[in-house]
Amino acid sequence: MRTEFINQFAELNAITLENLIRETKETVAINVHVENTKPVFTAANLWNIHNKRKVRAGGRMFVA
């Protein structure tokens, strides 16, 4: 077994560490309206899919 330890992270000096943890101030935009572009999947959509599958499967049975 290996007993030596290899440090996988670079050592950081005080200035670099300070730059990494400094808090960033952000402005929150209040009057911005973002529209939801994703279609909403409802129970009615699921019901329609279920009924379409029934009709297609039933049609195949009578063709043979």
PDB file of N, CA and C in Angstrom:
ATOM      1  N   MET A   1       0.828  -1.191   0.000  1.00  0.00           N
ATOM      2  CA  MET A   1       0.000   0.000   0.000  1.00  0.00           C
ATOM      3  C   MET A   1       0.866   1.247   0.000  1.00  0.00           C
ATOM      4  N   ARG A   2       0.323   2.289  -0.609  1.00  0.00           N
ATOM      5  CA  ARG A   2       1.053   3.557  -0.598  1.00  0.00           C
ATOM      6  C   ARG A   2       0.810   4.275   0.715  1.00  0.00           C
ATOM      7  N   THR A   3       1.853   4.771   1.278  1.00  0.00           N
ATOM      8  CA  THR A   3       1.717   5.483   2.544  1.00  0.00           C
ATOM      9  C   THR A   3       1.953   6.973   2.390  1.00  0.00           C
ATOM     10  N   GLU A   4       2.449   7.412   1.241  1.00  0.00           N
ATOM     11  CA  GLU A   4       2.706   8.839   1.077  1.00  0.00           C
ATOM     12  C   GLU A   4       1.433   9.553   0.618  1.00  0.00           C
ATOM     13  N   PHE A   5       1.314  10.765   1.014  1.00  0.00           N
ATOM     14  CA  PHE A   5       0.137  11.571   0.708  1.00  0.00           C
ATOM     15  C   PHE A   5       0.477  12.557  -0.399  1.00  0.00           C
ATOM     16  N   ILE A   6      -0.340  12.575  -1.429  1.00  0.00           N
ATOM     17  CA  ILE A   6      -0.141  13.519  -2.528  1.00  0.00           C
ATOM     18  C   ILE A   6      -1.247  14.568  -2.441  1.00  0.00           C
ATOM     19  N   ASN A   7      -0.851  15.818  -2.301  1.00  0.00           N
ATOM     20  CA  ASN A   7      -1.821  16.903  -2.230  1.00  0.00           C
ATOM     21  C   ASN A   7      -2.350  17.179  -3.632  1.00  0.00           C
ATOM     22  N   GLN A   8      -3.647  16.981  -3.825  1.00  0.00           N
ATOM     23  CA  GLN A   8      -4.233  17.150  -5.147  1.00  0.00           C
ATOM     24  C   GLN A   8      -4.730  18.573  -5.385  1.00  0.00           C
ATOM     25  N   PHE A   9      -4.696  19.397  -4.379  1.00  0.00           N
ATOM     26  CA  PHE A   9      -5.155  20.772  -4.510  1.00  0.00           C
ATOM     27  C   PHE A   9      -3.964  21.718  -4.425  1.00  0.00           C
ATOM     28  N   ALA A  10      -3.987  22.718  -5.268  1.00  0.00           N
ATOM     29  CA  ALA A  10      -2.908  23.698  -5.233  1.00  0.00           C
ATOM     30  C   ALA A  10      -3.048  24.542  -3.969  1.00  0.00           C
ATOM     31  N   GLU A  11      -1.930  24.858  -3.376  1.00  0.00           N
ATOM     32  CA  GLU A  11      -1.968  25.691  -2.183  1.00  0.00           C
ATOM     33  C   GLU A  11      -2.266  27.127  -2.588  1.00  0.00           C
ATOM     34  N   LEU A  12      -3.123  27.774  -1.823  1.00  0.00           N
ATOM     35  CA  LEU A  12      -3.539  29.133  -2.134  1.00  0.00           C
ATOM     36  C   LEU A  12      -2.881  30.103  -1.168  1.00  0.00           C
ATOM     37  N   ASN A  13      -2.409  31.215  -1.712  1.00  0.00           N
ATOM     38  CA  ASN A  13      -1.882  32.241  -0.823  1.00  0.00           C
ATOM     39  C   ASN A  13      -3.046  33.105  -0.336  1.00  0.00           C
ATOM     40  N   ALA A  14      -2.782  34.005   0.576  1.00  0.00           N
ATOM     41  CA  ALA A  14      -3.835  34.793   1.213  1.00  0.00           C
ATOM     42  C   ALA A  14      -4.574  35.679   0.216  1.00  0.00           C
ATOM     43  N   ILE A  15      -3.877  36.270  -0.743  1.00  0.00           N
ATOM     44  CA  ILE A  15      -4.515  37.170  -1.714  1.00  0.00           C
ATOM     45  C   ILE A  15      -5.459  36.389  -2.627  1.00  0.00           C
ATOM     46  N   THR A  16      -5.023  35.242  -3.108  1.00  0.00           N
ATOM     47  CA  THR A  16      -5.865  34.425  -3.978  1.00  0.00           C
ATOM     48  C   THR A  16      -7.092  33.926  -3.226  1.00  0.00           C
ATOM     49  N   LEU A  17      -6.917  33.521  -1.987  1.00  0.00           N
ATOM     50  CA  LEU A  17      -8.033  33.062  -1.173  1.00  0.00           C
ATOM     51  C   LEU A  17      -9.034  34.186  -0.949  1.00  0.00           C
ATOM     52  N   GLU A  18      -8.558  35.385  -0.690  1.00  0.00           N
ATOM     53  CA  GLU A  18      -9.439  36.542  -0.494  1.00  0.00           C
ATOM     54  C   GLU A  18     -10.234  36.832  -1.761  1.00  0.00           C
ATOM     55  N   ASN A  19      -9.600  36.728  -2.931  1.00  0.00           N
ATOM     56  CA  ASN A  19     -10.303  36.973  -4.191  1.00  0.00           C
ATOM     57  C   ASN A  19     -11.382  35.925  -4.450  1.00  0.00           C
ATOM     58  N   LEU A  20     -11.169  34.712  -4.036  1.00  0.00           N
ATOM     59  CA  LEU A  20     -12.146  33.649  -4.262  1.00  0.00           C
ATOM     60  C   LEU A  20     -13.374  33.767  -3.371  1.00  0.00           C
ATOM     61  N   ILE A  21     -13.185  34.250  -2.153  1.00  0.00           N
ATOM     62  CA  ILE A  21     -14.302  34.268  -1.212  1.00  0.00           C
ATOM     63  C   ILE A  21     -14.960  35.640  -1.071  1.00  0.00           C
ATOM     64  N   ARG A  22     -14.533  36.608  -1.860  1.00  0.00           N
ATOM     65  CA  ARG A  22     -15.111  37.945  -1.782  1.00  0.00           C
ATOM     66  C   ARG A  22     -16.571  37.905  -2.231  1.00  0.00           C
ATOM     67  N   GLU A  23     -17.427  38.592  -1.513  1.00  0.00           N
ATOM     68  CA  GLU A  23     -18.855  38.616  -1.827  1.00  0.00           C
ATOM     69  C   GLU A  23     -19.107  39.517  -3.028  1.00  0.00           C
ATOM     70  N   THR A  24     -19.964  39.063  -3.919  1.00  0.00           N
ATOM     71  CA  THR A  24     -20.323  39.846  -5.095  1.00  0.00           C
ATOM     72  C   THR A  24     -21.685  40.476  -4.856  1.00  0.00           C
ATOM     73  N   LYS A  25     -21.766  41.763  -5.026  1.00  0.00           N
ATOM     74  CA  LYS A  25     -23.029  42.470  -4.860  1.00  0.00           C
ATOM     75  C   LYS A  25     -23.771  42.445  -6.186  1.00  0.00           C
ATOM     76  N   GLU A  26     -25.037  42.066  -6.149  1.00  0.00           N
ATOM     77  CA  GLU A  26     -25.840  41.997  -7.360  1.00  0.00           C
ATOM     78  C   GLU A  26     -27.089  42.845  -7.203  1.00  0.00           C
ATOM     79  N   THR A  27     -27.572  43.332  -8.317  1.00  0.00           N
ATOM     80  CA  THR A  27     -28.803  44.105  -8.327  1.00  0.00           C
ATOM     81  C   THR A  27     -29.940  43.191  -8.760  1.00  0.00           C
ATOM     82  N   VAL A  28     -31.039  43.234  -8.027  1.00  0.00           N
ATOM     83  CA  VAL A  28     -32.192  42.409  -8.358  1.00  0.00           C
ATOM     84  C   VAL A  28     -33.132  43.230  -9.227  1.00  0.00           C
ATOM     85  N   ALA A  29     -33.454  42.711 -10.396  1.00  0.00           N
ATOM     86  CA  ALA A  29     -34.376  43.389 -11.302  1.00  0.00           C
ATOM     87  C   ALA A  29     -35.803  43.045 -10.886  1.00  0.00           C
ATOM     88  N   ILE A  30     -36.587  44.066 -10.566  1.00  0.00           N
ATOM     89  CA  ILE A  30     -37.942  43.852 -10.061  1.00  0.00           C
ATOM     90  C   ILE A  30     -38.974  43.847 -11.189  1.00  0.00           C
ATOM     91  N   ASN A  31     -38.858  44.753 -12.138  1.00  0.00           N
ATOM     92  CA  ASN A  31     -39.896  44.930 -13.152  1.00  0.00           C
ATOM     93  C   ASN A  31     -39.640  44.132 -14.426  1.00  0.00           C
ATOM     94  N   VAL A  32     -39.023  42.993 -14.321  1.00  0.00           N
ATOM     95  CA  VAL A  32     -38.735  42.175 -15.493  1.00  0.00           C
ATOM     96  C   VAL A  32     -39.761  41.054 -15.564  1.00  0.00           C
ATOM     97  N   HIS A  33     -40.391  40.894 -16.735  1.00  0.00           N
ATOM     98  CA  HIS A  33     -41.385  39.835 -16.927  1.00  0.00           C
ATOM     99  C   HIS A  33     -40.802  38.781 -17.859  1.00  0.00           C
ATOM    100  N   VAL A  34     -40.658  37.572 -17.363  1.00  0.00           N
ATOM    101  CA  VAL A  34     -40.130  36.472 -18.160  1.00  0.00           C
ATOM    102  C   VAL A  34     -41.279  35.520 -18.458  1.00  0.00           C
ATOM    103  N   GLU A  35     -41.510  35.269 -19.745  1.00  0.00           N
ATOM    104  CA  GLU A  35     -42.608  34.388 -20.124  1.00  0.00           C
ATOM    105  C   GLU A  35     -42.162  32.934 -20.049  1.00  0.00           C
ATOM    106  N   ASN A  36     -43.073  32.087 -19.612  1.00  0.00           N
ATOM    107  CA  ASN A  36     -42.801  30.656 -19.539  1.00  0.00           C
ATOM    108  C   ASN A  36     -43.000  30.073 -20.931  1.00  0.00           C
ATOM    109  N   THR A  37     -41.927  29.604 -21.554  1.00  0.00           N
ATOM    110  CA  THR A  37     -42.024  29.100 -22.914  1.00  0.00           C
ATOM    111  C   THR A  37     -42.238  27.592 -22.949  1.00  0.00           C
ATOM    112  N   LYS A  38     -42.135  26.922 -21.820  1.00  0.00           N
ATOM    113  CA  LYS A  38     -42.349  25.483 -21.800  1.00  0.00           C
ATOM    114  C   LYS A  38     -43.848  25.186 -21.863  1.00  0.00           C
ATOM    115  N   PRO A  39     -44.258  24.226 -22.693  1.00  0.00           N
ATOM    116  CA  PRO A  39     -45.670  23.855 -22.694  1.00  0.00           C
ATOM    117  C   PRO A  39     -46.016  23.102 -21.408  1.00  0.00           C
ATOM    118  N   VAL A  40     -47.220  23.296 -20.939  1.00  0.00           N
ATOM    119  CA  VAL A  40     -47.657  22.658 -19.705  1.00  0.00           C
ATOM    120  C   VAL A  40     -48.314  21.327 -20.059  1.00  0.00           C
ATOM    121  N   PHE A  41     -47.866  20.255 -19.439  1.00  0.00           N
ATOM    122  CA  PHE A  41     -48.428  18.926 -19.675  1.00  0.00           C
ATOM    123  C   PHE A  41     -49.474  18.668 -18.604  1.00  0.00           C
ATOM    124  N   THR A  42     -50.729  18.521 -19.011  1.00  0.00           N
ATOM    125  CA  THR A  42     -51.825  18.368 -18.059  1.00  0.00           C
ATOM    126  C   THR A  42     -52.377  16.951 -18.096  1.00  0.00           C
ATOM    127  N   ALA A  43     -53.315  16.693 -17.202  1.00  0.00           N
ATOM    128  CA  ALA A  43     -53.978  15.389 -17.169  1.00  0.00           C
ATOM    129  C   ALA A  43     -54.785  15.172 -18.442  1.00  0.00           C
ATOM    130  N   ALA A  44     -55.325  16.254 -19.014  1.00  0.00           N
ATOM    131  CA  ALA A  44     -56.087  16.136 -20.258  1.00  0.00           C
ATOM    132  C   ALA A  44     -55.188  15.663 -21.400  1.00  0.00           C
ATOM    133  N   ASN A  45     -53.962  16.135 -21.450  1.00  0.00           N
ATOM    134  CA  ASN A  45     -53.021  15.678 -22.476  1.00  0.00           C
ATOM    135  C   ASN A  45     -52.748  14.186 -22.313  1.00  0.00           C
ATOM    136  N   LEU A  46     -52.569  13.738 -21.089  1.00  0.00           N
ATOM    137  CA  LEU A  46     -52.315  12.329 -20.830  1.00  0.00           C
ATOM    138  C   LEU A  46     -53.519  11.484 -21.228  1.00  0.00           C
ATOM    139  N   TRP A  47     -54.711  11.970 -20.931  1.00  0.00           N
ATOM    140  CA  TRP A  47     -55.943  11.262 -21.285  1.00  0.00           C
ATOM    141  C   TRP A  47     -56.065  11.141 -22.800  1.00  0.00           C
ATOM    142  N   ASN A  48     -55.750  12.204 -23.535  1.00  0.00           N
ATOM    143  CA  ASN A  48     -55.808  12.161 -24.999  1.00  0.00           C
ATOM    144  C   ASN A  48     -54.816  11.152 -25.562  1.00  0.00           C
ATOM    145  N   ILE A  49     -53.618  11.112 -25.022  1.00  0.00           N
ATOM    146  CA  ILE A  49     -52.617  10.147 -25.486  1.00  0.00           C
ATOM    147  C   ILE A  49     -53.109   8.729 -25.231  1.00  0.00           C
ATOM    148  N   HIS A  50     -53.678   8.507 -24.063  1.00  0.00           N
ATOM    149  CA  HIS A  50     -54.180   7.181 -23.708  1.00  0.00           C
ATOM    150  C   HIS A  50     -55.287   6.744 -24.664  1.00  0.00           C
ATOM    151  N   ASN A  51     -56.217   7.642 -24.969  1.00  0.00           N
ATOM    152  CA  ASN A  51     -57.323   7.297 -25.867  1.00  0.00           C
ATOM    153  C   ASN A  51     -56.841   7.071 -27.293  1.00  0.00           C
ATOM    154  N   LYS A  52     -55.883   7.832 -27.760  1.00  0.00           N
ATOM    155  CA  LYS A  52     -55.354   7.636 -29.112  1.00  0.00           C
ATOM    156  C   LYS A  52     -54.677   6.277 -29.230  1.00  0.00           C
ATOM    157  N   ARG A  53     -53.993   5.842 -28.176  1.00  0.00           N
ATOM    158  CA  ARG A  53     -53.342   4.529 -28.211  1.00  0.00           C
ATOM    159  C   ARG A  53     -54.387   3.421 -28.277  1.00  0.00           C
ATOM    160  N   LYS A  54     -55.514   3.598 -27.567  1.00  0.00           N
ATOM    161  CA  LYS A  54     -56.584   2.598 -27.596  1.00  0.00           C
ATOM    162  C   LYS A  54     -57.143   2.455 -29.007  1.00  0.00           C
ATOM    163  N   VAL A  55     -57.401   3.579 -29.670  1.00  0.00           N
ATOM    164  CA  VAL A  55     -57.982   3.571 -31.006  1.00  0.00           C
ATOM    165  C   VAL A  55     -57.027   2.908 -31.986  1.00  0.00           C
ATOM    166  N   ARG A  56     -55.751   3.245 -31.912  1.00  0.00           N
ATOM    167  CA  ARG A  56     -54.764   2.650 -32.822  1.00  0.00           C
ATOM    168  C   ARG A  56     -54.638   1.147 -32.591  1.00  0.00           C
ATOM    169  N   ALA A  57     -54.602   0.721 -31.343  1.00  0.00           N
ATOM    170  CA  ALA A  57     -54.457  -0.702 -31.037  1.00  0.00           C
ATOM    171  C   ALA A  57     -55.706  -1.464 -31.468  1.00  0.00           C
ATOM    172  N   GLY A  58     -56.874  -0.882 -31.271  1.00  0.00           N
ATOM    173  CA  GLY A  58     -58.119  -1.532 -31.668  1.00  0.00           C
ATOM    174  C   GLY A  58     -58.224  -1.679 -33.170  1.00  0.00           C
ATOM    175  N   GLY A  59     -57.756  -0.713 -33.927  1.00  0.00           N
ATOM    176  CA  GLY A  59     -57.806  -0.778 -35.383  1.00  0.00           C
ATOM    177  C   GLY A  59     -56.915  -1.872 -35.931  1.00  0.00           C
ATOM    178  N   ARG A  60     -55.799  -2.124 -35.293  1.00  0.00           N
ATOM    179  CA  ARG A  60     -54.886  -3.166 -35.755  1.00  0.00           C
ATOM    180  C   ARG A  60     -55.480  -4.555 -35.560  1.00  0.00           C
ATOM    181  N   MET A  61     -56.244  -4.723 -34.513  1.00  0.00           N
ATOM    182  CA  MET A  61     -56.793  -6.045 -34.224  1.00  0.00           C
ATOM    183  C   MET A  61     -57.811  -6.466 -35.281  1.00  0.00           C
ATOM    184  N   PHE A  62     -58.597  -5.532 -35.814  1.00  0.00           N
ATOM    185  CA  PHE A  62     -59.637  -5.868 -36.777  1.00  0.00           C
ATOM    186  C   PHE A  62     -59.106  -6.003 -38.194  1.00  0.00           C
ATOM    187  N   VAL A  63     -57.918  -5.479 -38.480  1.00  0.00           N
ATOM    188  CA  VAL A  63     -57.357  -5.536 -39.829  1.00  0.00           C
ATOM    189  C   VAL A  63     -56.941  -6.962 -40.168  1.00  0.00           C
ATOM    190  N   ALA A  64     -56.415  -7.679 -39.216  1.00  0.00           N
ATOM    191  CA  ALA A  64     -55.872  -9.017 -39.497  1.00  0.00           C
ATOM    192  C   ALA A  64     -56.916 -10.045 -39.809  1.00  0.00           C
TER     193      ALA A  64
END
